[in-house]
Amino acid sequence: MITINFIANCARPPCTESTIHCKTGQNAMEAAVGANVEGIAADCGGMLTCGTCHVYVREPYASQLPAPAPDELAMLEFVAAPRRANSRLSCQIVLTEALDGLTLDLPETQY
């Protein structure tokens, strides 16, 4: 089991944090949905067709992730919140032991 932290509402402090414990091998979106984390809509269920699982990955984890595939990069062009250098789709972040402690900031909106 690893721990992931989801941080929300930082545009309007105080920030809220959801800390979840999840299995390796699943993706961050699945872990968030399974734990009822608010702010991950996941409308397409991880099929890489909606962009509603957009997150901002904090360092040191952002630089440890594999580069986004062309399909993910294309979908990131359509996310509702501003895209940043550390923007990723949580359905594409496969959880490994190396990501224990991963912190993901949630955008202000997914729509």
N, C-alpha and C. Protein backbone atom coordinates (compact mmCIF):
# COMPACT_ATOMS: atom_id res chain seq x y z
N MET A 1 0.84 -1.18 0.00
CA MET A 1 0.00 0.00 0.00
C MET A 1 0.89 1.24 0.00
N ILE A 2 0.42 2.23 -0.74
CA ILE A 2 1.11 3.51 -0.75
C ILE A 2 0.12 4.61 -0.38
N THR A 3 0.65 5.77 -0.08
CA THR A 3 -0.16 6.92 0.30
C THR A 3 -0.11 7.97 -0.80
N ILE A 4 -1.27 8.54 -1.10
CA ILE A 4 -1.37 9.66 -2.04
C ILE A 4 -2.12 10.78 -1.34
N ASN A 5 -1.68 12.01 -1.58
CA ASN A 5 -2.33 13.20 -1.02
C ASN A 5 -2.94 14.01 -2.15
N PHE A 6 -4.23 14.30 -2.03
CA PHE A 6 -4.93 15.16 -2.97
C PHE A 6 -5.21 16.48 -2.25
N ILE A 7 -4.76 17.58 -2.83
CA ILE A 7 -4.93 18.90 -2.23
C ILE A 7 -5.90 19.70 -3.09
N ALA A 8 -6.93 20.27 -2.46
CA ALA A 8 -7.96 21.01 -3.20
C ALA A 8 -8.23 22.37 -2.57
N ASN A 9 -8.85 23.23 -3.36
CA ASN A 9 -9.35 24.53 -2.92
C ASN A 9 -8.26 25.49 -2.47
N CYS A 10 -7.07 25.38 -3.00
CA CYS A 10 -6.00 26.29 -2.59
C CYS A 10 -6.17 27.68 -3.17
N ALA A 11 -7.02 27.83 -4.19
CA ALA A 11 -7.30 29.16 -4.72
C ALA A 11 -8.10 29.97 -3.71
N ARG A 12 -8.85 29.26 -2.87
CA ARG A 12 -9.62 29.89 -1.80
C ARG A 12 -9.28 29.20 -0.49
N PRO A 13 -8.14 29.59 0.11
CA PRO A 13 -7.70 28.93 1.34
C PRO A 13 -8.79 28.94 2.40
N PRO A 14 -8.80 27.98 3.32
CA PRO A 14 -7.74 27.02 3.50
C PRO A 14 -7.85 25.85 2.53
N CYS A 15 -6.72 25.29 2.20
CA CYS A 15 -6.69 24.11 1.33
C CYS A 15 -7.27 22.93 2.10
N THR A 16 -7.86 21.99 1.36
CA THR A 16 -8.33 20.76 1.99
C THR A 16 -7.50 19.61 1.44
N GLU A 17 -7.20 18.68 2.29
CA GLU A 17 -6.35 17.56 1.89
C GLU A 17 -7.07 16.25 2.14
N SER A 18 -7.00 15.38 1.14
CA SER A 18 -7.51 14.02 1.26
C SER A 18 -6.32 13.09 1.13
N THR A 19 -6.05 12.33 2.16
CA THR A 19 -4.96 11.37 2.12
C THR A 19 -5.57 9.99 2.02
N ILE A 20 -5.14 9.25 1.00
CA ILE A 20 -5.69 7.91 0.81
C ILE A 20 -4.57 6.89 0.74
N HIS A 21 -4.90 5.68 1.06
CA HIS A 21 -3.97 4.55 0.98
C HIS A 21 -4.50 3.65 -0.12
N CYS A 22 -3.63 3.29 -1.04
CA CYS A 22 -4.09 2.53 -2.20
C CYS A 22 -3.05 1.51 -2.65
N LYS A 23 -3.51 0.63 -3.52
CA LYS A 23 -2.67 -0.44 -4.05
C LYS A 23 -1.80 0.07 -5.19
N THR A 24 -0.63 -0.52 -5.32
CA THR A 24 0.18 -0.24 -6.50
C THR A 24 -0.44 -0.97 -7.69
N GLY A 25 -0.15 -0.48 -8.87
CA GLY A 25 -0.67 -1.09 -10.09
C GLY A 25 -1.91 -0.42 -10.62
N GLN A 26 -2.70 0.22 -9.75
CA GLN A 26 -3.85 0.96 -10.23
C GLN A 26 -3.40 2.36 -10.60
N ASN A 27 -4.28 3.12 -11.24
CA ASN A 27 -3.89 4.49 -11.54
C ASN A 27 -4.46 5.44 -10.49
N ALA A 28 -3.94 6.66 -10.46
CA ALA A 28 -4.34 7.63 -9.44
C ALA A 28 -5.81 7.99 -9.53
N MET A 29 -6.38 8.01 -10.74
CA MET A 29 -7.80 8.29 -10.90
C MET A 29 -8.64 7.20 -10.25
N GLU A 30 -8.31 5.94 -10.49
CA GLU A 30 -9.04 4.83 -9.88
C GLU A 30 -8.98 4.91 -8.36
N ALA A 31 -7.81 5.23 -7.83
CA ALA A 31 -7.65 5.35 -6.38
C ALA A 31 -8.52 6.48 -5.84
N ALA A 32 -8.54 7.62 -6.54
CA ALA A 32 -9.34 8.77 -6.10
C ALA A 32 -10.83 8.46 -6.15
N VAL A 33 -11.29 7.87 -7.23
CA VAL A 33 -12.71 7.53 -7.37
C VAL A 33 -13.11 6.51 -6.30
N GLY A 34 -12.27 5.51 -6.08
CA GLY A 34 -12.56 4.49 -5.07
C GLY A 34 -12.64 5.04 -3.67
N ALA A 35 -11.93 6.15 -3.43
CA ALA A 35 -11.93 6.78 -2.10
C ALA A 35 -12.86 7.99 -2.03
N ASN A 36 -13.64 8.21 -3.09
CA ASN A 36 -14.59 9.33 -3.15
C ASN A 36 -13.93 10.69 -2.95
N VAL A 37 -12.76 10.87 -3.56
CA VAL A 37 -12.07 12.15 -3.49
C VAL A 37 -12.82 13.16 -4.35
N GLU A 38 -13.26 14.26 -3.75
CA GLU A 38 -13.95 15.30 -4.51
C GLU A 38 -12.93 16.04 -5.38
N GLY A 39 -13.35 16.34 -6.62
CA GLY A 39 -12.48 17.09 -7.52
C GLY A 39 -11.93 16.26 -8.66
N ILE A 40 -12.13 14.95 -8.61
CA ILE A 40 -11.77 14.07 -9.73
C ILE A 40 -13.09 13.57 -10.30
N ALA A 41 -13.51 14.15 -11.43
CA ALA A 41 -14.80 13.77 -12.02
C ALA A 41 -14.72 12.43 -12.74
N ALA A 42 -13.66 12.21 -13.50
CA ALA A 42 -13.44 10.94 -14.18
C ALA A 42 -14.62 10.50 -15.03
N ASP A 43 -15.17 11.43 -15.80
CA ASP A 43 -16.36 11.14 -16.60
C ASP A 43 -16.20 9.98 -17.57
N CYS A 44 -15.02 9.81 -18.14
CA CYS A 44 -14.84 8.75 -19.13
C CYS A 44 -14.34 7.45 -18.51
N GLY A 45 -14.15 7.45 -17.20
CA GLY A 45 -13.72 6.23 -16.53
C GLY A 45 -12.30 5.81 -16.85
N GLY A 46 -11.47 6.75 -17.27
CA GLY A 46 -10.07 6.44 -17.55
C GLY A 46 -9.80 6.04 -18.98
N MET A 47 -10.71 6.33 -19.88
CA MET A 47 -10.54 5.96 -21.29
C MET A 47 -9.76 7.01 -22.09
N LEU A 48 -9.30 8.07 -21.42
CA LEU A 48 -8.48 9.11 -22.04
C LEU A 48 -9.26 9.88 -23.10
N THR A 49 -10.54 10.16 -22.79
CA THR A 49 -11.37 10.88 -23.75
C THR A 49 -12.06 12.11 -23.16
N CYS A 50 -11.77 12.46 -21.88
CA CYS A 50 -12.51 13.60 -21.32
C CYS A 50 -11.66 14.66 -20.64
N GLY A 51 -10.59 14.31 -20.01
CA GLY A 51 -9.75 15.29 -19.32
C GLY A 51 -10.29 15.74 -17.97
N THR A 52 -11.29 15.05 -17.41
CA THR A 52 -11.87 15.47 -16.14
C THR A 52 -11.21 14.82 -14.93
N CYS A 53 -10.02 14.31 -15.12
CA CYS A 53 -9.21 13.80 -14.00
C CYS A 53 -7.88 14.54 -13.95
N HIS A 54 -7.90 15.76 -14.47
CA HIS A 54 -6.72 16.62 -14.52
C HIS A 54 -6.19 16.90 -13.11
N VAL A 55 -4.88 16.82 -12.95
CA VAL A 55 -4.21 17.13 -11.68
C VAL A 55 -2.90 17.86 -11.98
N TYR A 56 -2.37 18.50 -10.95
CA TYR A 56 -1.04 19.10 -11.00
C TYR A 56 -0.15 18.27 -10.08
N VAL A 57 0.91 17.71 -10.62
CA VAL A 57 1.79 16.81 -9.86
C VAL A 57 2.92 17.61 -9.22
N ARG A 58 3.04 17.52 -7.93
CA ARG A 58 4.12 18.21 -7.21
C ARG A 58 5.43 17.45 -7.35
N GLU A 59 6.50 18.21 -7.26
CA GLU A 59 7.84 17.60 -7.18
C GLU A 59 8.01 17.00 -5.80
N PRO A 60 8.84 15.99 -5.68
CA PRO A 60 9.77 15.46 -6.67
C PRO A 60 9.13 14.45 -7.63
N TYR A 61 7.82 14.23 -7.49
CA TYR A 61 7.17 13.18 -8.25
C TYR A 61 6.97 13.52 -9.73
N ALA A 62 6.72 14.78 -10.03
CA ALA A 62 6.48 15.17 -11.43
C ALA A 62 7.64 14.75 -12.33
N SER A 63 8.85 14.94 -11.86
CA SER A 63 10.01 14.59 -12.68
C SER A 63 10.30 13.09 -12.68
N GLN A 64 9.66 12.34 -11.80
CA GLN A 64 9.86 10.89 -11.76
C GLN A 64 8.90 10.13 -12.67
N LEU A 65 7.83 10.79 -13.07
CA LEU A 65 6.84 10.11 -13.92
C LEU A 65 7.36 9.97 -15.35
N PRO A 66 6.93 8.93 -16.05
CA PRO A 66 7.26 8.83 -17.47
C PRO A 66 6.64 10.02 -18.22
N ALA A 67 7.23 10.40 -19.31
CA ALA A 67 6.69 11.50 -20.11
C ALA A 67 5.28 11.14 -20.57
N PRO A 68 4.41 12.13 -20.69
CA PRO A 68 3.06 11.83 -21.16
C PRO A 68 3.08 11.34 -22.61
N ALA A 69 2.21 10.40 -22.89
CA ALA A 69 2.06 9.88 -24.26
C ALA A 69 1.37 10.95 -25.11
N PRO A 70 1.50 10.85 -26.43
CA PRO A 70 0.86 11.84 -27.31
C PRO A 70 -0.65 11.99 -27.07
N ASP A 71 -1.35 10.90 -26.77
CA ASP A 71 -2.80 10.98 -26.51
C ASP A 71 -3.09 11.80 -25.26
N GLU A 72 -2.28 11.63 -24.23
CA GLU A 72 -2.48 12.41 -23.01
C GLU A 72 -2.18 13.88 -23.28
N LEU A 73 -1.11 14.16 -23.97
CA LEU A 73 -0.78 15.55 -24.31
C LEU A 73 -1.91 16.21 -25.09
N ALA A 74 -2.49 15.48 -26.02
CA ALA A 74 -3.59 16.03 -26.82
C ALA A 74 -4.80 16.32 -25.94
N MET A 75 -5.13 15.43 -25.03
CA MET A 75 -6.28 15.64 -24.16
C MET A 75 -6.04 16.78 -23.19
N LEU A 76 -4.80 16.98 -22.76
CA LEU A 76 -4.49 18.09 -21.86
C LEU A 76 -4.74 19.45 -22.50
N GLU A 77 -4.83 19.49 -23.82
CA GLU A 77 -5.15 20.75 -24.51
C GLU A 77 -6.59 21.18 -24.24
N PHE A 78 -7.42 20.27 -23.76
CA PHE A 78 -8.85 20.55 -23.60
C PHE A 78 -9.31 20.59 -22.14
N VAL A 79 -8.38 20.58 -21.19
CA VAL A 79 -8.80 20.63 -19.79
C VAL A 79 -9.39 21.99 -19.46
N ALA A 80 -10.29 22.02 -18.49
CA ALA A 80 -11.01 23.25 -18.15
C ALA A 80 -10.16 24.26 -17.39
N ALA A 81 -9.34 23.78 -16.48
CA ALA A 81 -8.49 24.66 -15.68
C ALA A 81 -7.19 24.93 -16.45
N PRO A 82 -6.50 25.99 -16.11
CA PRO A 82 -5.26 26.29 -16.82
C PRO A 82 -4.28 25.12 -16.80
N ARG A 83 -3.72 24.84 -17.94
CA ARG A 83 -2.71 23.79 -18.05
C ARG A 83 -1.37 24.36 -17.59
N ARG A 84 -0.64 23.56 -16.86
CA ARG A 84 0.69 23.95 -16.36
C ARG A 84 1.71 22.92 -16.80
N ALA A 85 2.97 23.22 -16.56
CA ALA A 85 4.05 22.29 -16.93
C ALA A 85 3.90 20.95 -16.21
N ASN A 86 3.31 20.97 -15.01
CA ASN A 86 3.14 19.74 -14.23
C ASN A 86 1.74 19.14 -14.34
N SER A 87 0.97 19.57 -15.34
CA SER A 87 -0.37 19.00 -15.56
C SER A 87 -0.28 17.58 -16.07
N ARG A 88 -1.11 16.72 -15.50
CA ARG A 88 -1.23 15.34 -15.97
C ARG A 88 -2.67 14.91 -15.81
N LEU A 89 -3.02 13.84 -16.50
CA LEU A 89 -4.31 13.20 -16.29
C LEU A 89 -4.07 12.07 -15.31
N SER A 90 -4.82 12.07 -14.21
CA SER A 90 -4.56 11.08 -13.17
C SER A 90 -4.83 9.66 -13.62
N CYS A 91 -5.62 9.48 -14.69
CA CYS A 91 -5.85 8.13 -15.22
C CYS A 91 -4.59 7.57 -15.87
N GLN A 92 -3.61 8.40 -16.12
CA GLN A 92 -2.38 7.96 -16.77
C GLN A 92 -1.21 7.83 -15.80
N ILE A 93 -1.46 8.06 -14.53
CA ILE A 93 -0.42 7.93 -13.50
C ILE A 93 -0.57 6.58 -12.83
N VAL A 94 0.25 5.62 -13.25
CA VAL A 94 0.22 4.28 -12.66
C VAL A 94 1.00 4.31 -11.35
N LEU A 95 0.36 3.87 -10.29
CA LEU A 95 0.95 3.95 -8.96
C LEU A 95 1.95 2.83 -8.72
N THR A 96 3.12 3.23 -8.28
CA THR A 96 4.20 2.31 -7.95
C THR A 96 4.72 2.65 -6.55
N GLU A 97 5.51 1.77 -5.98
CA GLU A 97 6.11 2.03 -4.67
C GLU A 97 6.91 3.32 -4.67
N ALA A 98 7.54 3.65 -5.79
CA ALA A 98 8.35 4.87 -5.89
C ALA A 98 7.49 6.13 -5.75
N LEU A 99 6.19 6.01 -5.93
CA LEU A 99 5.29 7.17 -5.83
C LEU A 99 4.63 7.29 -4.45
N ASP A 100 5.10 6.50 -3.48
CA ASP A 100 4.56 6.61 -2.13
C ASP A 100 4.75 8.03 -1.62
N GLY A 101 3.67 8.68 -1.21
CA GLY A 101 3.72 10.05 -0.75
C GLY A 101 3.37 11.06 -1.84
N LEU A 102 3.03 10.58 -3.01
CA LEU A 102 2.66 11.43 -4.14
C LEU A 102 1.64 12.48 -3.71
N THR A 103 1.89 13.74 -4.12
CA THR A 103 0.96 14.82 -3.82
C THR A 103 0.45 15.39 -5.13
N LEU A 104 -0.87 15.42 -5.26
CA LEU A 104 -1.53 15.92 -6.46
C LEU A 104 -2.44 17.08 -6.09
N ASP A 105 -2.20 18.23 -6.70
CA ASP A 105 -3.08 19.38 -6.50
C ASP A 105 -4.22 19.27 -7.49
N LEU A 106 -5.43 19.51 -7.01
CA LEU A 106 -6.61 19.45 -7.87
C LEU A 106 -6.89 20.84 -8.43
N PRO A 107 -7.23 20.91 -9.72
CA PRO A 107 -7.56 22.22 -10.28
C PRO A 107 -8.87 22.75 -9.70
N GLU A 108 -9.09 24.02 -9.88
CA GLU A 108 -10.30 24.64 -9.33
C GLU A 108 -11.58 24.06 -9.95
N THR A 109 -11.47 23.60 -11.19
CA THR A 109 -12.63 23.01 -11.85
C THR A 109 -12.18 21.94 -12.85
N GLN A 110 -13.07 20.99 -13.12
CA GLN A 110 -12.81 19.99 -14.15
C GLN A 110 -13.72 20.26 -15.37
N TYR A 111 -14.61 21.26 -15.25
CA TYR A 111 -15.56 21.56 -16.34
C TYR A 111 -15.45 23.00 -16.77
